[in-house]
Amino acid sequence: MANPDKKETPQILHENPAQAMKQLIDLAESLNTLLDQEANALILMRDPVALSAIESEKEALAAKYEQSCREFKERLAAFKTMPKPQIEKLYALQEQIGEKATHNMGLIKEKKVVVQKPEE
C-alpha cells in the first residue's frame, strides 16, 4: 500500500531513452555553466545579491539534476543502447560538475562566504 504522506516526484526524463539522454546532458551542461558563474561571482565578490540569486538557481537546478540521475540509474538498462560518445560526454560532464563543485566549496571556505537566500 502506498504511503499517502509521501509525495510523488514527477518524472523529469522523457520515456524515450535518446530524448532522456539529451535532457540529462542539457541539465549537466546547464549546471556546469551555473557553477562557472558561481565561481566567477565568488572570485569577484562584487555583488552579494547576484551570488545569492545564483545560489538559489543552482539549488533548484541541482535538485532537478539529482532527480534525473536517479531516474537514469533506475532505467540504466535502457540507456546501455545509447551511442558511446553520448555516454562518454555525460560522464565527462558529471566529472566536471564534481570538480567545479569542489572548487567552489573551497572558494566559499577560503573567503568565508555566507550565502543568504534572497527575500521573496
N, C-alpha and C. Protein backbone atom coordinates (compact mmCIF):
# COMPACT_ATOMS: atom_id res chain seq x y z
N MET A 1 0.84 -1.18 0.00
CA MET A 1 0.00 0.00 0.00
C MET A 1 0.89 1.24 0.00
N ALA A 2 0.57 2.22 -0.82
CA ALA A 2 1.36 3.43 -0.94
C ALA A 2 1.17 4.32 0.28
N ASN A 3 2.22 4.99 0.66
CA ASN A 3 2.19 5.91 1.78
C ASN A 3 1.52 7.21 1.33
N PRO A 4 0.36 7.58 1.92
CA PRO A 4 -0.35 8.79 1.46
C PRO A 4 0.42 10.07 1.79
N ASP A 5 1.30 10.03 2.78
CA ASP A 5 2.07 11.21 3.16
C ASP A 5 3.25 11.46 2.22
N LYS A 6 3.66 10.44 1.51
CA LYS A 6 4.82 10.57 0.62
C LYS A 6 4.37 11.16 -0.71
N LYS A 7 4.97 12.30 -1.07
CA LYS A 7 4.63 12.95 -2.33
C LYS A 7 5.37 12.29 -3.47
N GLU A 8 4.65 12.06 -4.55
CA GLU A 8 5.27 11.51 -5.75
C GLU A 8 6.05 12.61 -6.45
N THR A 9 7.27 12.31 -6.80
CA THR A 9 8.08 13.27 -7.54
C THR A 9 7.79 13.06 -9.01
N PRO A 10 7.42 14.14 -9.71
CA PRO A 10 7.12 13.98 -11.13
C PRO A 10 8.37 13.54 -11.90
N GLN A 11 8.15 12.70 -12.86
CA GLN A 11 9.25 12.21 -13.69
C GLN A 11 9.80 13.36 -14.52
N ILE A 12 11.11 13.46 -14.57
CA ILE A 12 11.77 14.53 -15.31
C ILE A 12 12.18 14.04 -16.70
N LEU A 13 12.79 12.89 -16.76
CA LEU A 13 13.32 12.39 -18.03
C LEU A 13 12.23 11.80 -18.91
N HIS A 14 12.36 12.04 -20.19
CA HIS A 14 11.43 11.52 -21.20
C HIS A 14 11.49 9.99 -21.20
N GLU A 15 10.40 9.37 -21.58
CA GLU A 15 10.36 7.90 -21.67
C GLU A 15 11.33 7.37 -22.71
N ASN A 16 11.47 8.10 -23.82
CA ASN A 16 12.38 7.69 -24.88
C ASN A 16 13.82 7.86 -24.41
N PRO A 17 14.62 6.79 -24.38
CA PRO A 17 15.99 6.90 -23.86
C PRO A 17 16.86 7.93 -24.57
N ALA A 18 16.71 8.08 -25.88
CA ALA A 18 17.53 9.06 -26.62
C ALA A 18 17.18 10.48 -26.18
N GLN A 19 15.89 10.75 -26.04
CA GLN A 19 15.47 12.08 -25.60
C GLN A 19 15.84 12.31 -24.14
N ALA A 20 15.73 11.27 -23.33
CA ALA A 20 16.10 11.38 -21.92
C ALA A 20 17.60 11.65 -21.77
N MET A 21 18.40 11.00 -22.60
CA MET A 21 19.85 11.23 -22.55
C MET A 21 20.16 12.67 -22.91
N LYS A 22 19.48 13.19 -23.93
CA LYS A 22 19.69 14.59 -24.33
C LYS A 22 19.30 15.52 -23.18
N GLN A 23 18.19 15.23 -22.53
CA GLN A 23 17.76 16.05 -21.39
C GLN A 23 18.82 16.05 -20.29
N LEU A 24 19.34 14.88 -19.98
CA LEU A 24 20.32 14.76 -18.91
C LEU A 24 21.60 15.51 -19.26
N ILE A 25 22.04 15.40 -20.51
CA ILE A 25 23.23 16.12 -20.96
C ILE A 25 22.97 17.63 -20.89
N ASP A 26 21.80 18.07 -21.33
CA ASP A 26 21.46 19.50 -21.27
C ASP A 26 21.46 20.01 -19.82
N LEU A 27 20.88 19.22 -18.91
CA LEU A 27 20.88 19.60 -17.50
C LEU A 27 22.30 19.70 -16.95
N ALA A 28 23.14 18.72 -17.29
CA ALA A 28 24.52 18.72 -16.82
C ALA A 28 25.29 19.93 -17.37
N GLU A 29 25.05 20.27 -18.64
CA GLU A 29 25.71 21.44 -19.23
C GLU A 29 25.24 22.73 -18.54
N SER A 30 23.95 22.81 -18.26
CA SER A 30 23.41 23.99 -17.57
C SER A 30 24.00 24.13 -16.16
N LEU A 31 24.11 23.01 -15.47
CA LEU A 31 24.67 23.03 -14.13
C LEU A 31 26.15 23.43 -14.18
N ASN A 32 26.88 22.92 -15.16
CA ASN A 32 28.28 23.31 -15.33
C ASN A 32 28.41 24.81 -15.56
N THR A 33 27.57 25.36 -16.41
CA THR A 33 27.59 26.80 -16.68
C THR A 33 27.30 27.60 -15.42
N LEU A 34 26.32 27.14 -14.66
CA LEU A 34 25.96 27.83 -13.42
C LEU A 34 27.09 27.75 -12.40
N LEU A 35 27.78 26.63 -12.35
CA LEU A 35 28.93 26.51 -11.44
C LEU A 35 30.05 27.45 -11.85
N ASP A 36 30.23 27.66 -13.15
CA ASP A 36 31.21 28.65 -13.63
C ASP A 36 30.81 30.05 -13.18
N GLN A 37 29.53 30.37 -13.32
CA GLN A 37 29.05 31.69 -12.90
C GLN A 37 29.23 31.88 -11.40
N GLU A 38 28.98 30.82 -10.65
CA GLU A 38 29.15 30.88 -9.20
C GLU A 38 30.62 31.13 -8.86
N ALA A 39 31.53 30.44 -9.53
CA ALA A 39 32.95 30.63 -9.27
C ALA A 39 33.36 32.07 -9.56
N ASN A 40 32.90 32.60 -10.68
CA ASN A 40 33.23 33.99 -11.02
C ASN A 40 32.69 34.95 -9.97
N ALA A 41 31.47 34.74 -9.53
CA ALA A 41 30.87 35.60 -8.51
C ALA A 41 31.64 35.50 -7.19
N LEU A 42 32.08 34.29 -6.86
CA LEU A 42 32.84 34.11 -5.62
C LEU A 42 34.21 34.78 -5.71
N ILE A 43 34.86 34.68 -6.86
CA ILE A 43 36.18 35.28 -7.04
C ILE A 43 36.08 36.80 -7.00
N LEU A 44 35.08 37.36 -7.70
CA LEU A 44 34.95 38.82 -7.78
C LEU A 44 34.35 39.42 -6.50
N MET A 45 33.42 38.71 -5.91
CA MET A 45 32.77 39.14 -4.66
C MET A 45 32.28 40.58 -4.72
N ARG A 46 31.77 40.98 -5.87
CA ARG A 46 31.29 42.36 -6.04
C ARG A 46 29.80 42.51 -5.72
N ASP A 47 29.06 41.45 -5.96
CA ASP A 47 27.61 41.58 -5.87
C ASP A 47 27.01 40.41 -5.09
N PRO A 48 26.83 40.59 -3.76
CA PRO A 48 26.28 39.51 -2.95
C PRO A 48 24.86 39.11 -3.35
N VAL A 49 24.09 40.08 -3.88
CA VAL A 49 22.72 39.77 -4.31
C VAL A 49 22.75 38.82 -5.51
N ALA A 50 23.65 39.10 -6.45
CA ALA A 50 23.79 38.23 -7.62
C ALA A 50 24.24 36.84 -7.20
N LEU A 51 25.17 36.78 -6.25
CA LEU A 51 25.64 35.48 -5.76
C LEU A 51 24.50 34.71 -5.11
N SER A 52 23.66 35.39 -4.35
CA SER A 52 22.51 34.73 -3.73
C SER A 52 21.55 34.19 -4.78
N ALA A 53 21.34 34.98 -5.83
CA ALA A 53 20.44 34.53 -6.91
C ALA A 53 21.02 33.31 -7.60
N ILE A 54 22.33 33.32 -7.85
CA ILE A 54 22.99 32.16 -8.47
C ILE A 54 22.84 30.94 -7.58
N GLU A 55 23.02 31.13 -6.28
CA GLU A 55 22.89 30.02 -5.34
C GLU A 55 21.49 29.42 -5.37
N SER A 56 20.49 30.27 -5.41
CA SER A 56 19.11 29.78 -5.45
C SER A 56 18.84 29.00 -6.74
N GLU A 57 19.32 29.55 -7.85
CA GLU A 57 19.14 28.88 -9.14
C GLU A 57 19.90 27.55 -9.16
N LYS A 58 21.11 27.57 -8.60
CA LYS A 58 21.92 26.34 -8.56
C LYS A 58 21.24 25.27 -7.72
N GLU A 59 20.67 25.67 -6.61
CA GLU A 59 19.99 24.72 -5.73
C GLU A 59 18.84 24.04 -6.47
N ALA A 60 18.04 24.82 -7.17
CA ALA A 60 16.89 24.27 -7.91
C ALA A 60 17.36 23.37 -9.05
N LEU A 61 18.37 23.82 -9.80
CA LEU A 61 18.87 23.03 -10.92
C LEU A 61 19.55 21.75 -10.43
N ALA A 62 20.29 21.84 -9.34
CA ALA A 62 20.95 20.65 -8.78
C ALA A 62 19.93 19.61 -8.33
N ALA A 63 18.83 20.07 -7.74
CA ALA A 63 17.77 19.13 -7.32
C ALA A 63 17.17 18.42 -8.52
N LYS A 64 16.93 19.18 -9.59
CA LYS A 64 16.37 18.60 -10.82
C LYS A 64 17.38 17.61 -11.43
N TYR A 65 18.65 17.98 -11.42
CA TYR A 65 19.70 17.11 -11.96
C TYR A 65 19.81 15.82 -11.14
N GLU A 66 19.76 15.95 -9.82
CA GLU A 66 19.84 14.76 -8.95
C GLU A 66 18.68 13.82 -9.21
N GLN A 67 17.47 14.37 -9.35
CA GLN A 67 16.30 13.54 -9.64
C GLN A 67 16.48 12.84 -10.99
N SER A 68 16.99 13.58 -11.97
CA SER A 68 17.23 12.99 -13.30
C SER A 68 18.25 11.86 -13.21
N CYS A 69 19.28 12.04 -12.41
CA CYS A 69 20.29 10.99 -12.24
C CYS A 69 19.70 9.74 -11.59
N ARG A 70 18.79 9.95 -10.63
CA ARG A 70 18.12 8.80 -10.02
C ARG A 70 17.29 8.05 -11.06
N GLU A 71 16.58 8.81 -11.89
CA GLU A 71 15.78 8.19 -12.94
C GLU A 71 16.68 7.44 -13.92
N PHE A 72 17.79 8.03 -14.27
CA PHE A 72 18.76 7.41 -15.18
C PHE A 72 19.22 6.08 -14.59
N LYS A 73 19.56 6.10 -13.32
CA LYS A 73 20.05 4.89 -12.65
C LYS A 73 18.97 3.80 -12.63
N GLU A 74 17.73 4.21 -12.38
CA GLU A 74 16.62 3.25 -12.35
C GLU A 74 16.38 2.61 -13.71
N ARG A 75 16.71 3.34 -14.77
CA ARG A 75 16.46 2.86 -16.14
C ARG A 75 17.77 2.55 -16.87
N LEU A 76 18.80 2.25 -16.14
CA LEU A 76 20.13 2.06 -16.70
C LEU A 76 20.16 1.10 -17.89
N ALA A 77 19.41 0.03 -17.81
CA ALA A 77 19.42 -0.96 -18.90
C ALA A 77 19.00 -0.32 -20.22
N ALA A 78 18.03 0.58 -20.18
CA ALA A 78 17.55 1.23 -21.40
C ALA A 78 18.61 2.15 -21.99
N PHE A 79 19.47 2.69 -21.14
CA PHE A 79 20.49 3.64 -21.61
C PHE A 79 21.75 2.96 -22.13
N LYS A 80 21.87 1.67 -21.90
CA LYS A 80 23.06 0.95 -22.37
C LYS A 80 23.11 0.86 -23.90
N THR A 81 22.00 1.16 -24.54
CA THR A 81 21.96 1.12 -26.01
C THR A 81 22.34 2.47 -26.64
N MET A 82 22.58 3.47 -25.79
CA MET A 82 22.94 4.80 -26.30
C MET A 82 24.33 4.78 -26.94
N PRO A 83 24.56 5.63 -27.92
CA PRO A 83 25.88 5.69 -28.55
C PRO A 83 26.96 6.03 -27.52
N LYS A 84 28.10 5.38 -27.66
CA LYS A 84 29.19 5.55 -26.71
C LYS A 84 29.62 7.01 -26.53
N PRO A 85 29.69 7.82 -27.62
CA PRO A 85 30.09 9.22 -27.42
C PRO A 85 29.15 10.00 -26.49
N GLN A 86 27.86 9.69 -26.54
CA GLN A 86 26.91 10.37 -25.64
C GLN A 86 27.16 9.98 -24.19
N ILE A 87 27.39 8.71 -23.96
CA ILE A 87 27.65 8.23 -22.60
C ILE A 87 28.96 8.84 -22.09
N GLU A 88 29.97 8.88 -22.94
CA GLU A 88 31.25 9.47 -22.54
C GLU A 88 31.10 10.96 -22.24
N LYS A 89 30.29 11.65 -23.03
CA LYS A 89 30.05 13.07 -22.79
C LYS A 89 29.37 13.28 -21.45
N LEU A 90 28.38 12.44 -21.14
CA LEU A 90 27.69 12.55 -19.87
C LEU A 90 28.65 12.31 -18.71
N TYR A 91 29.47 11.28 -18.81
CA TYR A 91 30.44 11.01 -17.74
C TYR A 91 31.42 12.18 -17.57
N ALA A 92 31.87 12.76 -18.67
CA ALA A 92 32.79 13.90 -18.61
C ALA A 92 32.12 15.10 -17.94
N LEU A 93 30.86 15.34 -18.29
CA LEU A 93 30.14 16.44 -17.66
C LEU A 93 29.95 16.21 -16.16
N GLN A 94 29.67 14.97 -15.80
CA GLN A 94 29.50 14.65 -14.38
C GLN A 94 30.81 14.87 -13.62
N GLU A 95 31.90 14.51 -14.23
CA GLU A 95 33.21 14.72 -13.62
C GLU A 95 33.48 16.22 -13.44
N GLN A 96 33.15 17.00 -14.47
CA GLN A 96 33.33 18.45 -14.38
C GLN A 96 32.48 19.05 -13.27
N ILE A 97 31.25 18.58 -13.14
CA ILE A 97 30.37 19.07 -12.08
C ILE A 97 31.02 18.83 -10.72
N GLY A 98 31.52 17.64 -10.52
CA GLY A 98 32.17 17.31 -9.25
C GLY A 98 33.38 18.19 -8.98
N GLU A 99 34.22 18.37 -9.99
CA GLU A 99 35.41 19.20 -9.83
C GLU A 99 35.06 20.65 -9.55
N LYS A 100 34.10 21.19 -10.29
CA LYS A 100 33.71 22.59 -10.11
C LYS A 100 33.04 22.81 -8.75
N ALA A 101 32.20 21.87 -8.35
CA ALA A 101 31.53 22.00 -7.05
C ALA A 101 32.57 21.99 -5.92
N THR A 102 33.56 21.11 -6.02
CA THR A 102 34.62 21.04 -5.02
C THR A 102 35.42 22.34 -5.01
N HIS A 103 35.75 22.84 -6.20
CA HIS A 103 36.49 24.10 -6.32
C HIS A 103 35.71 25.25 -5.68
N ASN A 104 34.42 25.32 -5.99
CA ASN A 104 33.60 26.40 -5.46
C ASN A 104 33.44 26.32 -3.95
N MET A 105 33.34 25.11 -3.43
CA MET A 105 33.26 24.95 -1.97
C MET A 105 34.56 25.45 -1.33
N GLY A 106 35.68 25.19 -1.98
CA GLY A 106 36.96 25.70 -1.48
C GLY A 106 36.98 27.22 -1.46
N LEU A 107 36.43 27.85 -2.51
CA LEU A 107 36.35 29.31 -2.56
C LEU A 107 35.46 29.85 -1.45
N ILE A 108 34.35 29.17 -1.21
CA ILE A 108 33.42 29.60 -0.16
C ILE A 108 34.12 29.54 1.20
N LYS A 109 34.83 28.46 1.46
CA LYS A 109 35.53 28.32 2.74
C LYS A 109 36.66 29.34 2.85
N GLU A 110 37.41 29.52 1.75
CA GLU A 110 38.54 30.44 1.74
C GLU A 110 38.10 31.88 2.01
N LYS A 111 37.01 32.26 1.40
CA LYS A 111 36.53 33.63 1.53
C LYS A 111 35.54 33.79 2.69
N LYS A 112 35.25 32.68 3.36
CA LYS A 112 34.30 32.67 4.47
C LYS A 112 32.98 33.32 4.07
N VAL A 113 32.50 32.88 2.94
CA VAL A 113 31.26 33.42 2.38
C VAL A 113 30.06 32.78 3.07
N VAL A 114 29.13 33.63 3.45
CA VAL A 114 27.85 33.15 3.96
C VAL A 114 26.82 33.56 2.93
N VAL A 115 26.26 32.57 2.27
CA VAL A 115 25.28 32.85 1.21
C VAL A 115 23.90 32.88 1.85
N GLN A 116 23.23 34.01 1.66
CA GLN A 116 21.88 34.14 2.16
C GLN A 116 20.92 34.09 0.99
N LYS A 117 19.81 33.44 1.22
CA LYS A 117 18.80 33.36 0.17
C LYS A 117 18.13 34.72 0.02
N PRO A 118 17.86 35.11 -1.22
CA PRO A 118 17.17 36.39 -1.43
C PRO A 118 15.78 36.33 -0.85
N GLU A 119 15.33 37.47 -0.33
CA GLU A 119 13.98 37.52 0.22
C GLU A 119 12.97 37.45 -0.91
N GLU A 120 11.92 36.70 -0.67
CA GLU A 120 10.91 36.54 -1.71
C GLU A 120 9.78 37.49 -1.52
